[in-house]
């Protein structure tokens, strides 16, 4: 096995071009998926590229480098709109996983139950990629194309996640349900972000559900119906029937489709109430 640990993004893109090299960030998904005693094939380790790490201001919003760890996100002084992302960060495995695992790796793994995706969807997050032809960015929903599939080209590296300025408003909440509290694949997970008017009624709502379909889903068709309601009234309006058109849960070893819909509805009701300051 060959191994490279470049210091710059330019060097990493050069090494990646035209090769079958595998990208390594925190390794918390890559190592468990390895059946042998060592990783196979050439490895490109992104850990030393300073440009890919950290949380910085960006066009009035925020830029989160792709190799930023979950523990860094959880402990950062972020606005209440990103509380859901910080809550999710604290539920990505145990402390050791949170110290090593990265937000970019979580997205590139593209699990339907990836904890980071619903909180980022309600933040209208965009994903930046860099390759030999330069940089491009696209909405997170367009980046995730299916279970374990993304829009990343083989010669591209995910460099950052952008949170636009308007998404820093409001309060957010993340909740998930599994067979136990930690170290488990979720049955359902939700994120909600509410911006409230002066009278306490909802001026804008953003809702997302994960682990209930091939990819996590933003409930864009449902969100306008919550405008003008109090968080309590909005919570009462959420039922499995309101969620079934946009979601496509399946029966599997963890839960039935019907149970997932009921769980997602209950989690959303609780998340909406939790968004009230």
Protein backbone atom coordinates (compact mmCIF):
# COMPACT_ATOMS: atom_id res chain seq x y z
CA UNK A 1 0.00 0.00 0.00
CA UNK A 2 1.29 3.48 -0.88
CA UNK A 3 0.47 6.38 1.40
CA UNK A 4 0.66 10.15 0.84
CA UNK A 5 -0.05 12.97 3.30
CA UNK A 6 0.17 16.26 1.37
CA UNK A 7 0.47 19.64 3.07
CA UNK A 8 -1.50 21.66 0.50
CA UNK A 9 -4.71 21.28 -1.47
CA UNK A 10 -2.84 21.88 -4.72
CA UNK A 11 -0.55 18.93 -4.01
CA UNK A 12 -3.49 16.74 -3.03
CA UNK A 13 -5.35 17.48 -6.27
CA UNK A 14 -2.20 16.73 -8.27
CA UNK A 15 -1.76 13.36 -6.54
CA UNK A 16 -5.42 12.50 -7.02
CA UNK A 17 -5.57 13.27 -10.74
CA UNK A 18 -5.76 10.16 -12.92
CA UNK A 19 -5.26 7.75 -10.03
CA UNK A 20 -7.33 5.22 -8.10
CA UNK A 21 -6.16 6.62 -4.78
CA UNK A 22 -8.58 6.52 -1.82
CA UNK A 23 -9.20 9.63 0.26
CA UNK A 24 -8.74 9.46 4.03
CA UNK A 25 -9.92 12.14 6.47
CA UNK A 26 -10.76 10.94 9.99
CA UNK A 27 -11.01 7.32 8.88
CA UNK A 28 -13.97 6.55 11.15
CA UNK A 29 -15.95 5.15 8.21
CA UNK A 30 -13.06 3.87 6.11
CA UNK A 31 -11.33 1.77 8.78
CA UNK A 32 -14.45 -0.09 10.03
CA UNK A 33 -15.33 -0.95 6.43
CA UNK A 34 -11.90 -2.57 5.93
CA UNK A 35 -12.04 -6.33 6.33
CA UNK A 36 -8.27 -6.93 6.32
CA UNK A 37 -5.57 -5.93 8.79
CA UNK A 38 -4.56 -2.91 6.71
CA UNK A 39 -6.14 -0.52 4.24
CA UNK A 40 -5.81 -1.69 0.66
CA UNK A 41 -4.72 0.40 -2.27
CA UNK A 42 -3.01 3.80 -2.31
CA UNK A 43 -4.22 6.24 0.35
CA UNK A 44 -4.31 10.05 0.21
CA UNK A 45 -4.53 11.42 3.77
CA UNK A 46 -6.04 14.94 3.93
CA UNK A 47 -5.41 15.55 7.63
CA UNK A 48 -2.46 17.97 7.25
CA UNK A 49 -4.09 20.38 4.77
CA UNK A 50 -4.75 23.47 6.89
CA UNK A 51 -7.18 24.96 4.34
CA UNK A 52 -9.61 22.09 4.91
CA UNK A 53 -9.88 22.55 8.68
CA UNK A 54 -11.70 25.01 10.92
CA UNK A 55 -14.78 27.24 11.09
CA UNK A 56 -14.42 30.77 9.66
CA UNK A 57 -16.65 33.66 8.52
CA UNK A 58 -17.72 33.58 4.86
CA UNK A 59 -19.81 36.20 3.01
CA UNK A 60 -21.75 36.98 6.17
CA UNK A 61 -22.25 33.28 6.85
CA UNK A 62 -19.89 30.49 7.86
CA UNK A 63 -17.40 28.19 6.18
CA UNK A 64 -16.78 24.81 7.82
CA UNK A 65 -13.69 23.07 6.47
CA UNK A 66 -14.28 19.50 5.34
CA UNK A 67 -11.81 17.96 7.80
CA UNK A 68 -13.19 19.83 10.80
CA UNK A 69 -13.86 17.29 13.52
CA UNK A 70 -17.20 16.75 15.20
CA UNK A 71 -15.77 17.66 18.60
CA UNK A 72 -14.55 20.99 17.19
CA UNK A 73 -18.03 21.71 15.84
CA UNK A 74 -19.70 20.69 19.10
CA UNK A 75 -17.48 23.00 21.17
CA UNK A 76 -17.41 26.04 18.86
CA UNK A 77 -19.23 29.29 19.82
CA UNK A 78 -21.92 29.08 17.14
CA UNK A 79 -25.30 30.86 16.85
CA UNK A 80 -28.52 29.10 17.98
CA UNK A 81 -29.40 28.33 14.35
CA UNK A 82 -26.54 25.80 14.36
CA UNK A 83 -27.52 24.16 17.64
CA UNK A 84 -28.98 21.19 15.70
CA UNK A 85 -25.61 20.62 14.03
CA UNK A 86 -23.87 20.74 17.41
CA UNK A 87 -26.43 18.35 18.91
CA UNK A 88 -25.79 15.96 16.03
CA UNK A 89 -22.03 16.31 16.52
CA UNK A 90 -22.40 15.03 20.08
CA UNK A 91 -24.23 11.92 18.86
CA UNK A 92 -21.76 10.81 16.18
CA UNK A 93 -20.41 7.75 17.97
CA UNK A 94 -18.38 8.10 21.16
CA UNK A 95 -15.91 10.81 22.11
CA UNK A 96 -13.03 9.15 20.24
CA UNK A 97 -15.08 9.07 17.04
CA UNK A 98 -16.09 12.70 17.51
CA UNK A 99 -12.42 13.68 17.90
CA UNK A 100 -11.38 11.88 14.71
CA UNK A 101 -14.47 11.92 12.49
CA UNK A 102 -14.94 14.83 10.09
CA UNK A 103 -17.97 16.61 8.72
CA UNK A 104 -16.76 16.16 5.13
CA UNK A 105 -16.23 12.45 5.62
CA UNK A 106 -19.74 12.12 7.02
CA UNK A 107 -21.17 13.70 3.86
CA UNK A 108 -18.97 11.74 1.45
CA UNK A 109 -19.90 8.46 3.13
CA UNK A 110 -23.47 9.37 2.11
CA UNK A 111 -25.27 7.09 4.52
CA UNK A 112 -29.06 7.64 4.58
CA UNK A 113 -28.64 7.82 8.37
CA UNK A 114 -25.71 10.27 8.44
CA UNK A 115 -26.22 12.46 11.51
CA UNK A 116 -24.81 15.60 9.94
CA UNK A 117 -27.13 15.77 6.95
CA UNK A 118 -30.55 16.84 8.37
CA UNK A 119 -29.05 19.74 10.40
CA UNK A 120 -27.15 20.94 7.33
CA UNK A 121 -30.23 20.65 5.11
CA UNK A 122 -32.22 23.02 7.34
CA UNK A 123 -29.28 25.44 7.09
CA UNK A 124 -29.42 25.45 3.25
CA UNK A 125 -25.82 24.24 3.28
CA UNK A 126 -23.73 24.12 0.13
CA UNK A 127 -20.79 21.78 -0.54
CA UNK A 128 -17.59 23.04 -2.16
CA UNK A 129 -15.44 20.72 -4.26
CA UNK A 130 -12.03 21.34 -5.80
CA UNK A 131 -10.36 19.50 -8.67
CA UNK A 132 -8.09 19.99 -11.67
CA UNK A 133 -10.70 22.20 -13.35
CA UNK A 134 -11.06 24.48 -10.36
CA UNK A 135 -13.71 24.84 -7.66
CA UNK A 136 -17.46 24.46 -7.72
CA UNK A 137 -20.18 24.37 -5.10
CA UNK A 138 -23.67 22.92 -5.09
CA UNK A 139 -26.54 22.51 -2.64
CA UNK A 140 -26.14 19.63 -0.21
CA UNK A 141 -29.35 18.07 -1.54
CA UNK A 142 -27.79 17.96 -5.02
CA UNK A 143 -24.48 16.62 -3.69
CA UNK A 144 -26.18 13.56 -2.15
CA UNK A 145 -27.46 11.53 -5.09
CA UNK A 146 -28.39 8.27 -3.32
CA UNK A 147 -27.32 5.77 -0.67
CA UNK A 148 -23.49 5.86 -0.58
CA UNK A 149 -23.49 8.03 -3.73
CA UNK A 150 -22.52 11.67 -4.22
CA UNK A 151 -21.91 14.13 -7.05
CA UNK A 152 -18.16 14.21 -6.29
CA UNK A 153 -16.10 13.40 -9.36
CA UNK A 154 -13.22 10.90 -8.90
CA UNK A 155 -10.64 13.68 -9.24
CA UNK A 156 -12.37 16.08 -6.82
CA UNK A 157 -11.97 16.72 -3.10
CA UNK A 158 -14.70 18.10 -0.85
CA UNK A 159 -13.10 21.16 0.69
CA UNK A 160 -15.80 22.92 2.72
CA UNK A 161 -19.43 23.32 3.68
CA UNK A 162 -20.90 26.81 3.37
CA UNK A 163 -23.73 28.12 5.57
CA UNK A 164 -25.31 31.25 4.02
CA UNK A 165 -25.92 34.39 6.06
CA UNK A 166 -29.71 34.08 6.06
CA UNK A 167 -29.45 30.60 7.60
CA UNK A 168 -27.80 31.95 10.74
CA UNK A 169 -31.20 33.25 11.90
CA UNK A 170 -33.48 31.43 14.31
CA UNK A 171 -33.14 28.42 16.58
CA UNK A 172 -32.68 24.79 15.60
CA UNK A 173 -32.99 21.32 17.13
CA UNK A 174 -31.86 17.79 16.22
CA UNK A 175 -33.32 14.55 17.53
CA UNK A 176 -32.85 10.93 16.57
CA UNK A 177 -34.22 7.55 17.55
CA UNK A 178 -32.30 4.29 17.67
CA UNK A 179 -32.37 0.99 19.50
CA UNK A 180 -30.12 2.58 22.14
CA UNK A 181 -28.85 6.07 22.90
CA UNK A 182 -25.40 5.96 21.25
CA UNK A 183 -23.29 4.02 18.74
CA UNK A 184 -26.30 2.92 16.71
CA UNK A 185 -27.72 3.42 13.23
CA UNK A 186 -30.84 5.54 13.56
CA UNK A 187 -34.40 4.42 12.90
CA UNK A 188 -35.32 8.05 12.27
CA UNK A 189 -33.72 11.46 12.78
CA UNK A 190 -34.97 15.00 12.31
CA UNK A 191 -33.78 18.59 12.30
CA UNK A 192 -35.87 21.74 12.55
CA UNK A 193 -34.98 25.42 12.37
CA UNK A 194 -37.50 28.13 13.17
CA UNK A 195 -37.28 31.89 12.79
CA UNK A 196 -39.95 33.49 14.96
CA UNK A 197 -41.66 36.87 14.60
CA UNK A 198 -41.94 39.29 17.52
CA UNK A 199 -45.28 37.75 18.52
CA UNK A 200 -43.72 34.29 18.82
CA UNK A 201 -45.27 32.94 15.64
CA UNK A 202 -43.27 31.21 12.94
CA UNK A 203 -41.90 33.53 10.26
CA UNK A 204 -39.89 30.78 8.55
CA UNK A 205 -39.56 27.05 9.10
CA UNK A 206 -37.02 24.54 7.79
CA UNK A 207 -37.53 20.81 8.41
CA UNK A 208 -35.54 17.73 7.41
CA UNK A 209 -35.79 13.99 8.08
CA UNK A 210 -33.06 11.36 7.81
CA UNK A 211 -32.98 7.54 7.90
CA UNK A 212 -36.46 7.42 6.33
CA UNK A 213 -35.50 7.16 2.67
CA UNK A 214 -32.56 6.72 0.28
CA UNK A 215 -31.26 10.16 1.29
CA UNK A 216 -32.20 12.63 4.01
CA UNK A 217 -35.07 14.83 2.85
CA UNK A 218 -35.90 18.50 3.28
CA UNK A 219 -39.67 18.90 3.78
CA UNK A 220 -39.94 21.99 1.59
CA UNK A 221 -43.61 21.45 0.68
CA UNK A 222 -44.64 21.27 4.34
CA UNK A 223 -42.68 24.26 5.62
CA UNK A 224 -44.90 27.11 4.27
CA UNK A 225 -47.95 25.65 6.04
CA UNK A 226 -46.28 26.35 9.38
CA UNK A 227 -45.87 30.08 8.76
CA UNK A 228 -48.00 32.11 11.17
CA UNK A 229 -48.44 29.28 13.66
CA UNK A 230 -46.91 29.09 17.10
CA UNK A 231 -44.35 26.28 17.57
CA UNK A 232 -46.97 24.42 19.63
CA UNK A 233 -49.58 24.74 16.87
CA UNK A 234 -47.02 23.66 14.27
CA UNK A 235 -46.16 20.61 16.35
CA UNK A 236 -49.82 19.61 16.55
CA UNK A 237 -50.10 19.77 12.76
CA UNK A 238 -47.38 17.15 12.17
CA UNK A 239 -48.72 13.62 11.58
CA UNK A 240 -47.41 10.53 9.79
CA UNK A 241 -49.85 11.33 6.98
CA UNK A 242 -48.29 14.77 6.42
CA UNK A 243 -44.87 13.14 6.11
CA UNK A 244 -45.69 10.14 3.94
CA UNK A 245 -45.75 11.90 0.52
CA UNK A 246 -42.18 13.29 0.68
CA UNK A 247 -40.64 10.37 2.57
CA UNK A 248 -40.07 6.82 1.33
CA UNK A 249 -39.18 4.68 4.36
CA UNK A 250 -38.65 0.94 4.02
CA UNK A 251 -39.15 -2.10 6.22
CA UNK A 252 -35.83 -3.47 7.44
CA UNK A 253 -34.25 -5.19 10.42
CA UNK A 254 -34.40 -1.99 12.51
CA UNK A 255 -38.02 -0.90 11.93
CA UNK A 256 -41.03 -1.02 9.66
CA UNK A 257 -41.87 1.82 7.31
CA UNK A 258 -44.97 2.67 9.34
CA UNK A 259 -42.97 2.85 12.57
CA UNK A 260 -40.41 5.11 10.91
CA UNK A 261 -43.13 7.53 9.79
CA UNK A 262 -44.69 7.61 13.25
CA UNK A 263 -41.27 8.09 14.83
CA UNK A 264 -40.31 10.88 12.44
CA UNK A 265 -43.59 12.69 13.14
CA UNK A 266 -43.10 12.47 16.91
CA UNK A 267 -39.48 13.59 16.68
CA UNK A 268 -40.48 16.56 14.52
CA UNK A 269 -43.17 17.55 17.01
CA UNK A 270 -40.59 17.54 19.80
CA UNK A 271 -37.99 19.37 17.70
CA UNK A 272 -40.45 22.15 16.84
CA UNK A 273 -41.24 22.69 20.51
CA UNK A 274 -37.52 22.64 21.31
CA UNK A 275 -36.90 25.45 18.80
CA UNK A 276 -38.95 27.91 20.87
CA UNK A 277 -36.45 30.06 22.83
